[in-house]
């Protein structure tokens, strides 16, 4: 593994073995992806929506999932009003 120091660290700052390091590793990048918070998608890959004042459960097809977000591939679009449950 190669550690490259980026912005925010001057040349005078050196990383030593056993120093704590925080890193974000990007394994995939999907521009213009439709994503929802994880708490908006239930364990059955469904979301609750509001249409004409009524709640409706809709099945979605999911893609990449992170600790915070779920990519939505099919089922709802950016105009759909999705009900997001509160975090506990």
Protein backbone atom coordinates (compact mmCIF):
# COMPACT_ATOMS: atom_id res chain seq x y z
CA UNK A 1 0.00 0.00 0.00
CA UNK A 2 1.30 3.44 -0.88
CA UNK A 3 0.27 6.40 1.24
CA UNK A 4 0.14 9.66 -0.67
CA UNK A 5 -0.24 12.80 1.38
CA UNK A 6 -2.72 15.18 -0.20
CA UNK A 7 -4.08 18.62 0.49
CA UNK A 8 -4.02 19.85 4.03
CA UNK A 9 -0.63 18.40 4.87
CA UNK A 10 2.54 20.38 4.35
CA UNK A 11 5.79 18.79 3.25
CA UNK A 12 7.05 19.10 6.82
CA UNK A 13 4.42 16.64 8.08
CA UNK A 14 5.46 13.05 7.68
CA UNK A 15 3.41 9.92 8.29
CA UNK A 16 5.21 7.28 10.32
CA UNK A 17 4.51 3.59 10.80
CA UNK A 18 1.84 3.04 13.47
CA UNK A 19 0.45 6.58 13.10
CA UNK A 20 -3.35 6.60 12.80
CA UNK A 21 -4.60 7.44 9.32
CA UNK A 22 -8.13 8.09 8.12
CA UNK A 23 -8.89 7.26 4.50
CA UNK A 24 -11.90 7.19 2.21
CA UNK A 25 -11.50 4.60 -0.51
CA UNK A 26 -13.71 5.09 -3.55
CA UNK A 27 -14.37 1.70 -5.14
CA UNK A 28 -17.03 2.89 -7.57
CA UNK A 29 -18.34 6.24 -8.73
CA UNK A 30 -21.76 6.57 -10.34
CA UNK A 31 -22.46 10.14 -11.54
CA UNK A 32 -26.11 11.26 -11.40
CA UNK A 33 -27.17 8.20 -9.40
CA UNK A 34 -30.54 8.31 -7.66
CA UNK A 35 -29.88 7.59 -3.98
CA UNK A 36 -31.99 7.49 -0.84
CA UNK A 37 -30.99 7.34 2.82
CA UNK A 38 -30.81 3.73 4.01
CA UNK A 39 -33.67 4.29 6.46
CA UNK A 40 -35.99 5.06 3.50
CA UNK A 41 -35.60 1.54 2.09
CA UNK A 42 -36.96 -1.39 4.09
CA UNK A 43 -35.56 -4.91 4.31
CA UNK A 44 -37.79 -6.03 1.41
CA UNK A 45 -36.29 -3.37 -0.92
CA UNK A 46 -39.47 -1.31 -0.79
CA UNK A 47 -40.13 2.36 -0.06
CA UNK A 48 -43.18 4.19 1.21
CA UNK A 49 -44.37 6.96 -1.08
CA UNK A 50 -47.08 9.57 -0.98
CA UNK A 51 -49.33 9.83 -4.02
CA UNK A 52 -52.48 11.96 -4.05
CA UNK A 53 -52.39 12.22 -0.25
CA UNK A 54 -52.22 8.45 0.25
CA UNK A 55 -49.33 6.29 1.37
CA UNK A 56 -48.28 3.47 -0.94
CA UNK A 57 -45.53 0.87 -0.62
CA UNK A 58 -43.50 0.44 -3.81
CA UNK A 59 -40.93 -2.24 -4.61
CA UNK A 60 -37.60 -0.83 -5.83
CA UNK A 61 -34.54 -2.36 -7.43
CA UNK A 62 -31.43 -1.33 -5.56
CA UNK A 63 -27.81 -1.01 -6.62
CA UNK A 64 -24.78 0.03 -4.63
CA UNK A 65 -25.36 0.35 -0.88
CA UNK A 66 -23.13 2.30 1.50
CA UNK A 67 -23.39 2.76 5.25
CA UNK A 68 -25.61 5.81 4.67
CA UNK A 69 -27.24 5.54 1.22
CA UNK A 70 -28.84 3.10 -1.22
CA UNK A 71 -28.73 3.54 -4.98
CA UNK A 72 -32.18 3.17 -6.59
CA UNK A 73 -32.10 1.65 -10.07
CA UNK A 74 -35.82 1.18 -10.70
CA UNK A 75 -39.22 1.67 -9.06
CA UNK A 76 -39.19 5.39 -8.24
CA UNK A 77 -37.67 8.45 -9.84
CA UNK A 78 -36.43 11.85 -8.67
CA UNK A 79 -39.99 13.26 -8.71
CA UNK A 80 -41.46 10.58 -6.41
CA UNK A 81 -42.28 11.74 -2.87
CA UNK A 82 -40.58 9.13 -0.68
CA UNK A 83 -41.41 8.96 3.03
CA UNK A 84 -38.22 8.72 5.04
CA UNK A 85 -38.54 7.23 8.51
CA UNK A 86 -36.76 8.78 11.44
CA UNK A 87 -33.43 7.38 12.57
CA UNK A 88 -33.53 5.72 15.97
